[in-house]
Each structure stands twice: as structure tokens, then as C-alpha cells.
């Protein structure tokens, strides 16, 4: 017997407390997450440029948000070996797929 992977029992159900989709919705629903992803949709940006674009975000909150997005595979962080040190943030394919949804 072959199980249908799209059978109702195997689909995520966001109404259930333990559904993994809730973690995704929680991350995307954060104010600075959605704005950071939207700011990066036109191409890579440096940290300072993101700070200026996201008026009102603190340095600590932006750092935390970018770290979480990188951990979740939605953005990449590229460190350039030059002086002064330069770091660019860019959307991954997964992050770019998510932008139109948010």
C-alpha cells in the first residue's frame, strides 16, 4: 500500500498548536523580518544601508533579525576580505520566493 503524501492527514494544519507552519508564520509575521526581506528584494545591501532603509530599527534588532533570517536560509551574508571590512546581505532563492507573498 502506497500512502499519498498529500493526503489530508499528512498536510500541515496551522490550526494545530504543534504544526511546524506556525513557526514559519511567526518568523514572517515579525515587523523587521518582513521589512528586511522587502528591502533586499532589489539586490544585496550592506548593513548600514539596511539601517538607513529601515527607519526606526535599532542596530541590535537589525542584527538579530538578519541573523535569524540567515539561520532560516532566507538571506545570505557575504563578508568581503578588505579593509574596512564589508558585509553584504542578499536574498536566497527561498527568500526571493517569499517576498511576493509578504
Protein backbone atom coordinates (compact mmCIF):
# COMPACT_ATOMS: atom_id res chain seq x y z
CA UNK A 1 0.00 0.00 0.00
CA UNK A 2 1.37 3.43 -1.01
CA UNK A 3 0.49 6.43 1.13
CA UNK A 4 -0.49 9.63 -0.62
CA UNK A 5 1.88 12.38 0.68
CA UNK A 6 -0.84 14.95 0.00
CA UNK A 7 -3.49 13.10 1.94
CA UNK A 8 -5.24 15.39 4.46
CA UNK A 9 -3.60 13.68 7.45
CA UNK A 10 -0.10 14.49 6.18
CA UNK A 11 -0.73 18.15 5.28
CA UNK A 12 0.31 20.86 7.74
CA UNK A 13 -2.61 22.23 9.73
CA UNK A 14 -1.82 25.71 11.08
CA UNK A 15 -4.76 25.43 13.46
CA UNK A 16 -2.89 22.75 15.44
CA UNK A 17 -0.57 24.03 18.18
CA UNK A 18 2.33 21.78 17.18
CA UNK A 19 2.15 22.42 13.44
CA UNK A 20 5.58 23.46 12.07
CA UNK A 21 3.92 26.05 9.83
CA UNK A 22 3.27 28.17 12.92
CA UNK A 23 6.99 28.77 13.37
CA UNK A 24 7.21 29.98 9.78
CA UNK A 25 4.22 32.29 10.22
CA UNK A 26 5.67 33.64 13.47
CA UNK A 27 9.02 34.47 11.83
CA UNK A 28 7.49 36.08 8.75
CA UNK A 29 4.97 37.98 10.82
CA UNK A 30 7.69 39.87 12.68
CA UNK A 31 7.80 43.52 11.66
CA UNK A 32 11.52 43.79 10.91
CA UNK A 33 11.63 40.41 9.15
CA UNK A 34 9.06 41.39 6.54
CA UNK A 35 10.61 44.82 6.03
CA UNK A 36 14.16 43.42 5.78
CA UNK A 37 13.12 40.90 3.15
CA UNK A 38 11.29 43.60 1.19
CA UNK A 39 14.33 45.92 1.39
CA UNK A 40 16.58 43.19 -0.04
CA UNK A 41 14.30 42.36 -2.97
CA UNK A 42 16.14 44.74 -5.33
CA UNK A 43 19.57 43.29 -4.59
CA UNK A 44 22.30 42.94 -1.96
CA UNK A 45 22.71 45.66 0.66
CA UNK A 46 25.25 46.47 3.32
CA UNK A 47 24.27 46.65 6.98
CA UNK A 48 24.44 50.45 7.10
CA UNK A 49 22.26 50.78 4.01
CA UNK A 50 19.68 48.47 5.58
CA UNK A 51 19.75 50.56 8.77
CA UNK A 52 19.02 53.70 6.76
CA UNK A 53 16.31 51.97 4.70
CA UNK A 54 14.52 50.55 7.76
CA UNK A 55 13.89 53.80 9.56
CA UNK A 56 13.42 53.21 13.29
CA UNK A 57 15.13 49.82 13.62
CA UNK A 58 17.86 49.62 16.26
CA UNK A 59 21.26 48.19 15.42
CA UNK A 60 20.66 45.34 17.88
CA UNK A 61 17.26 44.45 16.41
CA UNK A 62 18.52 44.54 12.83
CA UNK A 63 21.49 42.34 13.73
CA UNK A 64 19.18 39.88 15.45
CA UNK A 65 16.74 39.87 12.53
CA UNK A 66 19.46 39.33 9.93
CA UNK A 67 21.00 36.55 12.00
CA UNK A 68 17.62 34.79 12.24
CA UNK A 69 16.95 35.20 8.51
CA UNK A 70 20.37 33.77 7.69
CA UNK A 71 19.81 30.83 10.06
CA UNK A 72 16.42 30.18 8.40
CA UNK A 73 18.01 30.16 4.94
CA UNK A 74 16.20 33.27 3.68
CA UNK A 75 19.26 35.51 3.26
CA UNK A 76 22.99 35.08 2.79
CA UNK A 77 25.75 37.04 4.47
CA UNK A 78 28.85 37.63 2.39
CA UNK A 79 31.96 39.01 4.12
CA UNK A 80 34.44 40.70 1.76
CA UNK A 81 38.09 40.41 2.80
CA UNK A 82 39.03 44.06 2.54
CA UNK A 83 39.70 46.99 4.85
CA UNK A 84 37.45 48.30 6.15
CA UNK A 85 35.52 45.07 6.41
CA UNK A 86 32.46 44.96 4.15
CA UNK A 87 29.46 42.68 4.65
CA UNK A 88 26.63 42.30 2.12
CA UNK A 89 23.25 40.70 2.75
CA UNK A 90 21.21 39.20 -0.09
CA UNK A 91 18.10 37.10 -0.52
CA UNK A 92 18.46 33.40 -1.19
CA UNK A 93 16.19 31.76 -3.75
CA UNK A 94 13.90 30.75 -0.88
CA UNK A 95 13.82 34.32 0.41
CA UNK A 96 13.12 35.71 -3.05
CA UNK A 97 10.22 33.26 -3.43
CA UNK A 98 8.78 34.50 -0.15
CA UNK A 99 8.90 38.26 -0.92
CA UNK A 100 5.83 38.36 -3.21
CA UNK A 101 3.82 36.56 -0.55
CA UNK A 102 4.58 39.11 2.15
